[in-house]
N, C-alpha and C. Protein backbone atom coordinates (compact mmCIF):
# COMPACT_ATOMS: atom_id res chain seq x y z
N MET A 1 0.82 -1.20 0.00
CA MET A 1 0.00 0.00 0.00
C MET A 1 0.86 1.26 0.00
N LEU A 2 1.90 1.28 0.84
CA LEU A 2 2.77 2.44 0.93
C LEU A 2 3.57 2.63 -0.35
N GLN A 3 3.85 1.54 -1.03
CA GLN A 3 4.63 1.62 -2.26
C GLN A 3 3.90 2.42 -3.34
N ASN A 4 2.58 2.39 -3.36
CA ASN A 4 1.80 3.16 -4.34
C ASN A 4 1.86 4.66 -4.03
N TRP A 5 1.95 5.02 -2.77
CA TRP A 5 1.94 6.43 -2.36
C TRP A 5 3.33 7.03 -2.23
N LEU A 6 4.37 6.24 -2.37
CA LEU A 6 5.73 6.72 -2.20
C LEU A 6 6.12 7.82 -3.20
N PRO A 7 5.78 7.73 -4.48
CA PRO A 7 6.11 8.84 -5.38
C PRO A 7 5.42 10.15 -5.00
N PHE A 8 4.19 10.07 -4.53
CA PHE A 8 3.48 11.27 -4.09
C PHE A 8 4.13 11.87 -2.84
N LEU A 9 4.62 11.02 -1.97
CA LEU A 9 5.30 11.49 -0.77
C LEU A 9 6.59 12.22 -1.14
N PHE A 10 7.37 11.63 -2.07
CA PHE A 10 8.59 12.31 -2.52
C PHE A 10 8.27 13.63 -3.19
N TYR A 11 7.24 13.66 -3.99
CA TYR A 11 6.86 14.89 -4.67
C TYR A 11 6.43 15.95 -3.67
N ALA A 12 5.67 15.59 -2.66
CA ALA A 12 5.23 16.53 -1.64
C ALA A 12 6.41 17.05 -0.83
N LEU A 13 7.34 16.18 -0.49
CA LEU A 13 8.52 16.62 0.25
C LEU A 13 9.38 17.56 -0.59
N PHE A 14 9.52 17.26 -1.87
CA PHE A 14 10.29 18.12 -2.76
C PHE A 14 9.59 19.47 -2.93
N ALA A 15 8.28 19.46 -3.06
CA ALA A 15 7.52 20.70 -3.21
C ALA A 15 7.58 21.55 -1.95
N ALA A 16 7.67 20.95 -0.80
CA ALA A 16 7.77 21.70 0.45
C ALA A 16 9.21 22.16 0.71
N ALA A 17 10.19 21.41 0.20
CA ALA A 17 11.59 21.74 0.46
C ALA A 17 12.03 22.99 -0.31
N ILE A 18 11.48 23.21 -1.49
CA ILE A 18 11.91 24.37 -2.29
C ILE A 18 11.56 25.69 -1.59
N PRO A 19 10.29 25.95 -1.25
CA PRO A 19 10.02 27.23 -0.57
C PRO A 19 10.66 27.32 0.81
N ALA A 20 10.75 26.19 1.52
CA ALA A 20 11.37 26.22 2.83
C ALA A 20 12.85 26.60 2.72
N SER A 21 13.54 26.08 1.71
CA SER A 21 14.95 26.43 1.54
C SER A 21 15.11 27.89 1.13
N MET A 22 14.20 28.42 0.34
CA MET A 22 14.28 29.83 -0.05
C MET A 22 14.08 30.75 1.16
N ILE A 23 13.14 30.41 2.00
CA ILE A 23 12.91 31.21 3.21
C ILE A 23 14.11 31.12 4.14
N LEU A 24 14.65 29.91 4.29
CA LEU A 24 15.82 29.73 5.15
C LEU A 24 17.02 30.50 4.63
N MET A 25 17.24 30.47 3.33
CA MET A 25 18.37 31.18 2.74
C MET A 25 18.24 32.69 2.87
N SER A 26 17.01 33.20 2.90
CA SER A 26 16.85 34.64 3.07
C SER A 26 17.29 35.10 4.45
N PHE A 27 17.25 34.20 5.43
CA PHE A 27 17.73 34.54 6.77
C PHE A 27 19.22 34.24 6.93
N VAL A 28 19.72 33.24 6.23
CA VAL A 28 21.10 32.79 6.42
C VAL A 28 22.08 33.67 5.65
N LEU A 29 21.78 33.97 4.39
CA LEU A 29 22.72 34.73 3.57
C LEU A 29 22.76 36.18 4.03
N PRO A 30 23.95 36.77 4.01
CA PRO A 30 24.06 38.17 4.44
C PRO A 30 23.45 39.10 3.38
N ARG A 31 22.91 40.20 3.85
CA ARG A 31 22.33 41.19 2.95
C ARG A 31 23.34 42.31 2.76
N ARG A 32 23.76 42.47 1.52
CA ARG A 32 24.71 43.54 1.21
C ARG A 32 23.93 44.74 0.69
N PRO A 33 24.38 45.92 1.01
CA PRO A 33 23.72 47.10 0.44
C PRO A 33 23.99 47.17 -1.06
N ILE A 34 23.03 47.66 -1.77
CA ILE A 34 23.16 47.78 -3.22
C ILE A 34 24.07 48.96 -3.53
N ALA A 35 25.09 48.70 -4.33
CA ALA A 35 26.03 49.76 -4.69
C ALA A 35 25.37 50.69 -5.69
N GLY A 36 25.65 51.95 -5.57
CA GLY A 36 25.12 52.90 -6.53
C GLY A 36 24.13 53.85 -5.87
N THR A 37 23.26 54.34 -6.66
CA THR A 37 22.33 55.36 -6.19
C THR A 37 21.16 54.74 -5.45
N ARG A 38 20.39 55.61 -4.86
CA ARG A 38 19.18 55.19 -4.14
C ARG A 38 18.15 54.65 -5.11
N GLN A 39 18.24 55.07 -6.36
CA GLN A 39 17.27 54.67 -7.38
C GLN A 39 17.27 53.16 -7.58
N LYS A 40 18.40 52.51 -7.41
CA LYS A 40 18.47 51.06 -7.61
C LYS A 40 17.70 50.28 -6.57
N SER A 41 17.54 50.83 -5.39
CA SER A 41 16.84 50.11 -4.33
C SER A 41 15.34 50.35 -4.33
N LEU A 42 14.86 51.25 -5.17
CA LEU A 42 13.42 51.50 -5.24
C LEU A 42 12.72 50.43 -6.05
N PRO A 43 11.47 50.13 -5.71
CA PRO A 43 10.75 49.12 -6.50
C PRO A 43 10.48 49.61 -7.92
N PHE A 44 10.48 48.69 -8.87
CA PHE A 44 10.29 49.02 -10.27
C PHE A 44 9.16 48.15 -10.80
N GLU A 45 8.14 48.78 -11.34
CA GLU A 45 6.98 48.04 -11.83
C GLU A 45 6.67 48.43 -13.26
N SER A 46 6.93 47.56 -14.18
CA SER A 46 6.53 47.70 -15.58
C SER A 46 6.90 49.06 -16.17
N GLY A 47 8.06 49.54 -15.88
CA GLY A 47 8.52 50.78 -16.46
C GLY A 47 7.96 52.03 -15.82
N VAL A 48 7.16 51.88 -14.79
CA VAL A 48 6.59 53.04 -14.12
C VAL A 48 7.49 53.38 -12.95
N SER A 49 8.09 54.57 -12.98
CA SER A 49 8.99 54.94 -11.90
C SER A 49 8.17 55.37 -10.69
N GLU A 50 8.80 55.31 -9.57
CA GLU A 50 8.16 55.68 -8.31
C GLU A 50 7.93 57.19 -8.31
N GLY A 51 6.72 57.60 -8.33
CA GLY A 51 6.42 59.01 -8.34
C GLY A 51 5.48 59.34 -7.20
N ALA A 52 4.26 59.63 -7.53
CA ALA A 52 3.26 59.93 -6.50
C ALA A 52 2.92 58.66 -5.74
N PRO A 53 2.45 58.81 -4.51
CA PRO A 53 2.01 57.62 -3.77
C PRO A 53 0.89 56.90 -4.49
N SER A 54 0.76 55.61 -4.22
CA SER A 54 -0.18 54.79 -4.97
C SER A 54 -1.64 55.21 -4.75
N ARG A 55 -1.94 55.85 -3.63
CA ARG A 55 -3.32 56.29 -3.41
C ARG A 55 -3.70 57.44 -4.33
N GLU A 56 -2.72 58.26 -4.67
CA GLU A 56 -3.00 59.42 -5.51
C GLU A 56 -2.90 59.11 -6.99
N ARG A 57 -2.18 58.07 -7.34
CA ARG A 57 -2.00 57.72 -8.74
C ARG A 57 -3.16 56.82 -9.18
N ARG A 58 -3.81 57.19 -10.26
CA ARG A 58 -4.96 56.43 -10.75
C ARG A 58 -4.65 55.84 -12.11
N PHE A 59 -5.18 54.65 -12.32
CA PHE A 59 -5.04 54.01 -13.61
C PHE A 59 -6.21 54.41 -14.49
N THR A 60 -5.96 54.44 -15.80
CA THR A 60 -7.04 54.76 -16.72
C THR A 60 -7.94 53.56 -16.89
N VAL A 61 -9.12 53.80 -17.45
CA VAL A 61 -10.08 52.73 -17.67
C VAL A 61 -9.53 51.73 -18.69
N SER A 62 -8.72 52.20 -19.65
CA SER A 62 -8.19 51.30 -20.66
C SER A 62 -7.29 50.22 -20.05
N PHE A 63 -6.61 50.54 -18.94
CA PHE A 63 -5.80 49.54 -18.26
C PHE A 63 -6.68 48.40 -17.74
N TYR A 64 -7.77 48.74 -17.07
CA TYR A 64 -8.66 47.73 -16.53
C TYR A 64 -9.39 46.97 -17.64
N LEU A 65 -9.77 47.68 -18.70
CA LEU A 65 -10.45 47.04 -19.81
C LEU A 65 -9.55 46.02 -20.49
N THR A 66 -8.29 46.38 -20.70
CA THR A 66 -7.35 45.44 -21.30
C THR A 66 -7.13 44.24 -20.41
N ALA A 67 -7.04 44.45 -19.11
CA ALA A 67 -6.86 43.33 -18.18
C ALA A 67 -8.07 42.40 -18.19
N ILE A 68 -9.26 42.95 -18.19
CA ILE A 68 -10.47 42.14 -18.20
C ILE A 68 -10.58 41.36 -19.50
N LEU A 69 -10.27 42.01 -20.62
CA LEU A 69 -10.34 41.31 -21.91
C LEU A 69 -9.30 40.20 -21.97
N PHE A 70 -8.11 40.43 -21.42
CA PHE A 70 -7.10 39.38 -21.39
C PHE A 70 -7.61 38.18 -20.60
N ILE A 71 -8.15 38.42 -19.44
CA ILE A 71 -8.66 37.33 -18.61
C ILE A 71 -9.80 36.60 -19.31
N LEU A 72 -10.69 37.36 -19.92
CA LEU A 72 -11.83 36.76 -20.62
C LEU A 72 -11.36 35.83 -21.74
N PHE A 73 -10.48 36.30 -22.60
CA PHE A 73 -10.01 35.47 -23.70
C PHE A 73 -9.13 34.33 -23.20
N ASP A 74 -8.39 34.54 -22.14
CA ASP A 74 -7.56 33.49 -21.58
C ASP A 74 -8.42 32.34 -21.07
N ILE A 75 -9.49 32.66 -20.38
CA ILE A 75 -10.38 31.63 -19.85
C ILE A 75 -11.10 30.91 -20.98
N GLU A 76 -11.49 31.64 -22.02
CA GLU A 76 -12.17 30.99 -23.13
C GLU A 76 -11.24 30.06 -23.89
N ILE A 77 -9.98 30.42 -24.02
CA ILE A 77 -9.02 29.56 -24.70
C ILE A 77 -8.78 28.29 -23.90
N VAL A 78 -8.87 28.36 -22.58
CA VAL A 78 -8.70 27.17 -21.75
C VAL A 78 -9.76 26.12 -22.08
N PHE A 79 -10.94 26.56 -22.48
CA PHE A 79 -12.00 25.61 -22.82
C PHE A 79 -11.70 24.85 -24.11
N LEU A 80 -10.75 25.31 -24.90
CA LEU A 80 -10.40 24.59 -26.13
C LEU A 80 -9.60 23.32 -25.84
N TYR A 81 -8.87 23.29 -24.75
CA TYR A 81 -8.01 22.14 -24.47
C TYR A 81 -8.80 20.84 -24.29
N PRO A 82 -9.84 20.79 -23.44
CA PRO A 82 -10.58 19.53 -23.32
C PRO A 82 -11.25 19.11 -24.63
N LEU A 83 -11.69 20.08 -25.39
CA LEU A 83 -12.31 19.76 -26.67
C LEU A 83 -11.28 19.19 -27.63
N ALA A 84 -10.08 19.73 -27.63
CA ALA A 84 -9.03 19.22 -28.50
C ALA A 84 -8.59 17.82 -28.09
N VAL A 85 -8.61 17.53 -26.81
CA VAL A 85 -8.22 16.20 -26.33
C VAL A 85 -9.25 15.16 -26.78
N GLN A 86 -10.52 15.51 -26.73
CA GLN A 86 -11.59 14.57 -27.07
C GLN A 86 -12.06 14.70 -28.52
N LEU A 87 -11.33 15.43 -29.35
CA LEU A 87 -11.77 15.68 -30.72
C LEU A 87 -11.88 14.39 -31.52
N ASP A 88 -10.97 13.48 -31.32
CA ASP A 88 -11.02 12.22 -32.07
C ASP A 88 -12.24 11.40 -31.67
N ALA A 89 -12.58 11.39 -30.40
CA ALA A 89 -13.74 10.61 -29.94
C ALA A 89 -15.05 11.27 -30.37
N LEU A 90 -15.08 12.59 -30.47
CA LEU A 90 -16.31 13.29 -30.84
C LEU A 90 -16.58 13.28 -32.34
N GLY A 91 -15.54 13.12 -33.13
CA GLY A 91 -15.71 13.03 -34.57
C GLY A 91 -16.08 14.37 -35.20
N TRP A 92 -16.96 14.29 -36.22
CA TRP A 92 -17.35 15.50 -36.96
C TRP A 92 -18.13 16.48 -36.08
N PHE A 93 -18.92 15.96 -35.15
CA PHE A 93 -19.66 16.84 -34.25
C PHE A 93 -18.70 17.71 -33.44
N GLY A 94 -17.63 17.12 -32.93
CA GLY A 94 -16.63 17.86 -32.18
C GLY A 94 -15.92 18.89 -33.02
N LEU A 95 -15.64 18.53 -34.28
CA LEU A 95 -14.97 19.47 -35.17
C LEU A 95 -15.86 20.67 -35.47
N VAL A 96 -17.14 20.43 -35.70
CA VAL A 96 -18.07 21.53 -35.96
C VAL A 96 -18.21 22.41 -34.73
N GLU A 97 -18.28 21.81 -33.56
CA GLU A 97 -18.35 22.58 -32.31
C GLU A 97 -17.08 23.41 -32.11
N LEU A 98 -15.93 22.81 -32.40
CA LEU A 98 -14.66 23.51 -32.26
C LEU A 98 -14.60 24.71 -33.20
N LEU A 99 -14.98 24.50 -34.45
CA LEU A 99 -14.96 25.61 -35.41
C LEU A 99 -15.96 26.70 -35.04
N GLY A 100 -17.13 26.30 -34.51
CA GLY A 100 -18.11 27.30 -34.06
C GLY A 100 -17.59 28.12 -32.90
N PHE A 101 -16.93 27.46 -31.96
CA PHE A 101 -16.38 28.15 -30.80
C PHE A 101 -15.28 29.12 -31.22
N VAL A 102 -14.40 28.68 -32.11
CA VAL A 102 -13.33 29.54 -32.60
C VAL A 102 -13.91 30.71 -33.40
N ALA A 103 -14.99 30.46 -34.15
CA ALA A 103 -15.63 31.55 -34.90
C ALA A 103 -16.21 32.60 -33.96
N VAL A 104 -16.85 32.17 -32.88
CA VAL A 104 -17.39 33.12 -31.90
C VAL A 104 -16.26 33.93 -31.26
N LEU A 105 -15.16 33.26 -30.92
CA LEU A 105 -14.01 33.98 -30.36
C LEU A 105 -13.44 34.97 -31.37
N GLY A 106 -13.38 34.57 -32.63
CA GLY A 106 -12.87 35.46 -33.67
C GLY A 106 -13.75 36.68 -33.86
N VAL A 107 -15.07 36.48 -33.87
CA VAL A 107 -15.99 37.60 -34.02
C VAL A 107 -15.87 38.55 -32.83
N ALA A 108 -15.75 38.00 -31.62
CA ALA A 108 -15.60 38.84 -30.42
C ALA A 108 -14.29 39.62 -30.48
N TYR A 109 -13.23 38.97 -30.94
CA TYR A 109 -11.93 39.65 -31.03
C TYR A 109 -11.98 40.79 -32.04
N VAL A 110 -12.57 40.55 -33.20
CA VAL A 110 -12.67 41.60 -34.21
C VAL A 110 -13.54 42.74 -33.70
N TYR A 111 -14.60 42.42 -32.98
CA TYR A 111 -15.49 43.45 -32.43
C TYR A 111 -14.76 44.38 -31.47
N ILE A 112 -14.02 43.79 -30.52
CA ILE A 112 -13.33 44.65 -29.55
C ILE A 112 -12.17 45.38 -30.20
N TRP A 113 -11.58 44.79 -31.25
CA TRP A 113 -10.51 45.46 -31.98
C TRP A 113 -11.05 46.67 -32.72
N ARG A 114 -12.20 46.53 -33.37
CA ARG A 114 -12.82 47.64 -34.11
C ARG A 114 -13.31 48.74 -33.17
N LYS A 115 -13.75 48.37 -31.98
CA LYS A 115 -14.21 49.36 -31.01
C LYS A 115 -13.06 50.14 -30.40
N GLY A 116 -11.83 49.66 -30.59
CA GLY A 116 -10.67 50.36 -30.07
C GLY A 116 -10.33 49.98 -28.63
N ALA A 117 -10.87 48.88 -28.16
CA ALA A 117 -10.62 48.48 -26.77
C ALA A 117 -9.19 48.01 -26.57
N LEU A 118 -8.51 47.64 -27.62
CA LEU A 118 -7.13 47.15 -27.49
C LEU A 118 -6.09 48.25 -27.74
N ASP A 119 -6.54 49.45 -28.06
CA ASP A 119 -5.62 50.57 -28.28
C ASP A 119 -5.17 51.13 -26.94
N TRP A 120 -3.88 51.23 -26.77
CA TRP A 120 -3.33 51.75 -25.50
C TRP A 120 -3.05 53.24 -25.68
N HIS A 121 -3.68 54.05 -24.85
CA HIS A 121 -3.53 55.50 -24.96
C HIS A 121 -2.64 56.01 -23.85
């Protein structure tokens, strides 16, 4: 019985050892100051330099719209994987469903592209 669960036990121990070793090393290794200017030690996020505090800095609606559209299309593309796996078993019905789904995604993509939702201002 234990022989069947032994690979899972090794995998769980390995998965727990990686973050535990990273946390341990952050306490063990010495922290050296960063050479150079103060600018190097400031956080850097996607090319946006540290300016106003985050409460005063507002993002435009296009940022949120692009993020929502990315998540929406990402989730819809995930639904293609199970269909592609079972495509041989489903036969022509599965192929027609796959093409219909891709057509709907294509129409939605062209629609948001024409509306200018993907233009970054």
